[in-house]
Amino acid sequence: MLIVLVFIHVKPRSVEAFKAASMENAARCIRESGCARFDVIQQLDDPTRFVLYEAYRTQADNDLHKQSAHYLKWREAVADMQAEERYSIK
């Protein structure tokens, strides 16, 4: 199992649009055969900060996810919404 935590800081004016795009992406991700879990978590004390919790069966499944049409659409849609570059830990 590969767990990926993605930390994202969003511009205040983009919070709702970011949530909508991310929830759509999550709904499609969970349908991938190699994705065991995908959660979009918003920080309570700072609603501009999010964590994506992603669980893949293998590294190859994560690699396939990054090539999917829905991921590429999400990545493009949220690029200008971010207050700073997102980062992840595995």
C-alpha atoms as a PDB file:
ATOM      1  CA  MET A   1       0.000   0.000   0.000  1.00  0.00           C
ATOM      2  CA  LEU A   2       1.228   3.489  -0.859  1.00  0.00           C
ATOM      3  CA  ILE A   3      -0.190   6.405   1.144  1.00  0.00           C
ATOM      4  CA  VAL A   4       0.252   9.918  -0.268  1.00  0.00           C
ATOM      5  CA  LEU A   5      -0.557  13.081   1.690  1.00  0.00           C
ATOM      6  CA  VAL A   6      -0.770  16.188  -0.484  1.00  0.00           C
ATOM      7  CA  PHE A   7      -0.688  19.555   1.302  1.00  0.00           C
ATOM      8  CA  ILE A   8      -2.333  22.449  -0.532  1.00  0.00           C
ATOM      9  CA  HIS A   9      -2.729  26.108   0.433  1.00  0.00           C
ATOM     10  CA  VAL A  10      -5.476  27.780  -1.610  1.00  0.00           C
ATOM     11  CA  LYS A  11      -6.132  31.463  -2.260  1.00  0.00           C
ATOM     12  CA  PRO A  12      -9.086  32.626  -0.104  1.00  0.00           C
ATOM     13  CA  ARG A  13     -11.224  33.575  -3.111  1.00  0.00           C
ATOM     14  CA  SER A  14     -10.709  30.089  -4.609  1.00  0.00           C
ATOM     15  CA  VAL A  15     -11.701  27.887  -1.669  1.00  0.00           C
ATOM     16  CA  GLU A  16     -15.156  26.875  -2.939  1.00  0.00           C
ATOM     17  CA  ALA A  17     -13.987  26.294  -6.530  1.00  0.00           C
ATOM     18  CA  PHE A  18     -11.040  24.259  -5.244  1.00  0.00           C
ATOM     19  CA  LYS A  19     -13.320  22.116  -3.086  1.00  0.00           C
ATOM     20  CA  ALA A  20     -15.680  21.460  -6.001  1.00  0.00           C
ATOM     21  CA  ALA A  21     -12.867  20.497  -8.392  1.00  0.00           C
ATOM     22  CA  SER A  22     -11.174  18.331  -5.764  1.00  0.00           C
ATOM     23  CA  MET A  23     -14.353  16.493  -4.775  1.00  0.00           C
ATOM     24  CA  GLU A  24     -15.061  15.731  -8.444  1.00  0.00           C
ATOM     25  CA  ASN A  25     -11.513  14.428  -8.857  1.00  0.00           C
ATOM     26  CA  ALA A  26     -11.791  12.334  -5.680  1.00  0.00           C
ATOM     27  CA  ALA A  27     -15.044  10.750  -6.866  1.00  0.00           C
ATOM     28  CA  ARG A  28     -13.356   9.675 -10.088  1.00  0.00           C
ATOM     29  CA  CYS A  29     -10.142   8.560  -8.381  1.00  0.00           C
ATOM     30  CA  ILE A  30     -11.917   6.166  -6.061  1.00  0.00           C
ATOM     31  CA  ARG A  31     -13.257   4.366  -9.150  1.00  0.00           C
ATOM     32  CA  GLU A  32      -9.705   3.553 -10.254  1.00  0.00           C
ATOM     33  CA  SER A  33      -8.978  -0.120  -9.564  1.00  0.00           C
ATOM     34  CA  GLY A  34      -5.676   0.745  -7.875  1.00  0.00           C
ATOM     35  CA  CYS A  35      -7.066   3.455  -5.586  1.00  0.00           C
ATOM     36  CA  ALA A  36      -8.174   2.207  -2.173  1.00  0.00           C
ATOM     37  CA  ARG A  37      -9.074   5.604  -0.680  1.00  0.00           C
ATOM     38  CA  PHE A  38      -9.127   9.297  -1.616  1.00  0.00           C
ATOM     39  CA  ASP A  39     -10.209  11.943   0.907  1.00  0.00           C
ATOM     40  CA  VAL A  40     -10.298  15.728   0.618  1.00  0.00           C
ATOM     41  CA  ILE A  41      -9.685  17.238   4.062  1.00  0.00           C
ATOM     42  CA  GLN A  42     -10.126  20.940   4.848  1.00  0.00           C
ATOM     43  CA  GLN A  43      -8.381  22.413   7.881  1.00  0.00           C
ATOM     44  CA  LEU A  44     -10.844  23.813  10.444  1.00  0.00           C
ATOM     45  CA  ASP A  45      -8.770  26.680  11.806  1.00  0.00           C
ATOM     46  CA  ASP A  46      -7.583  27.768   8.333  1.00  0.00           C
ATOM     47  CA  PRO A  47     -10.104  26.864   5.600  1.00  0.00           C
ATOM     48  CA  THR A  48      -7.607  27.792   2.876  1.00  0.00           C
ATOM     49  CA  ARG A  49      -5.498  24.725   3.756  1.00  0.00           C
ATOM     50  CA  PHE A  50      -6.273  21.235   2.515  1.00  0.00           C
ATOM     51  CA  VAL A  51      -4.807  17.764   2.695  1.00  0.00           C
ATOM     52  CA  LEU A  52      -5.538  15.098   0.109  1.00  0.00           C
ATOM     53  CA  TYR A  53      -5.248  11.616   1.607  1.00  0.00           C
ATOM     54  CA  GLU A  54      -4.653   9.112  -1.179  1.00  0.00           C
ATOM     55  CA  ALA A  55      -4.137   5.357  -0.766  1.00  0.00           C
ATOM     56  CA  TYR A  56      -2.968   3.272  -3.726  1.00  0.00           C
ATOM     57  CA  ARG A  57      -2.370  -0.451  -3.845  1.00  0.00           C
ATOM     58  CA  THR A  58       1.034   0.020  -5.530  1.00  0.00           C
ATOM     59  CA  GLN A  59       3.353   2.751  -6.792  1.00  0.00           C
ATOM     60  CA  ALA A  60       2.350   1.746 -10.330  1.00  0.00           C
ATOM     61  CA  ASP A  61      -1.290   2.512  -9.461  1.00  0.00           C
ATOM     62  CA  ASN A  62      -0.259   5.978  -8.286  1.00  0.00           C
ATOM     63  CA  ASP A  63       1.700   6.466 -11.514  1.00  0.00           C
ATOM     64  CA  LEU A  64      -1.362   5.477 -13.572  1.00  0.00           C
ATOM     65  CA  HIS A  65      -3.503   7.894 -11.567  1.00  0.00           C
ATOM     66  CA  LYS A  66      -1.189  10.767 -12.506  1.00  0.00           C
ATOM     67  CA  GLN A  67      -1.804   9.985 -16.177  1.00  0.00           C
ATOM     68  CA  SER A  68      -5.605   9.866 -15.902  1.00  0.00           C
ATOM     69  CA  ALA A  69      -7.755  12.423 -17.691  1.00  0.00           C
ATOM     70  CA  HIS A  70      -9.529  13.439 -14.472  1.00  0.00           C
ATOM     71  CA  TYR A  71      -6.249  14.072 -12.626  1.00  0.00           C
ATOM     72  CA  LEU A  72      -4.850  16.138 -15.503  1.00  0.00           C
ATOM     73  CA  LYS A  73      -8.108  18.127 -15.632  1.00  0.00           C
ATOM     74  CA  TRP A  74      -7.955  18.725 -11.856  1.00  0.00           C
ATOM     75  CA  ARG A  75      -4.280  19.725 -11.938  1.00  0.00           C
ATOM     76  CA  GLU A  76      -4.948  22.309 -14.639  1.00  0.00           C
ATOM     77  CA  ALA A  77      -8.128  23.594 -12.991  1.00  0.00           C
ATOM     78  CA  VAL A  78      -6.540  24.215  -9.582  1.00  0.00           C
ATOM     79  CA  ALA A  79      -3.137  25.516 -10.719  1.00  0.00           C
ATOM     80  CA  ASP A  80      -4.098  29.193 -10.391  1.00  0.00           C
ATOM     81  CA  MET A  81      -6.099  28.597  -7.214  1.00  0.00           C
ATOM     82  CA  GLN A  82      -3.049  27.714  -5.140  1.00  0.00           C
ATOM     83  CA  ALA A  83      -1.462  30.312  -2.872  1.00  0.00           C
ATOM     84  CA  GLU A  84       1.831  28.395  -2.989  1.00  0.00           C
ATOM     85  CA  GLU A  85       3.180  25.255  -4.583  1.00  0.00           C
ATOM     86  CA  ARG A  86       1.598  22.088  -3.225  1.00  0.00           C
ATOM     87  CA  TYR A  87       3.792  19.337  -1.812  1.00  0.00           C
ATOM     88  CA  SER A  88       3.377  15.738  -0.795  1.00  0.00           C
ATOM     89  CA  ILE A  89       4.825  13.090   1.435  1.00  0.00           C
ATOM     90  CA  LYS A  90       4.598   9.344   0.894  1.00  0.00           C
END
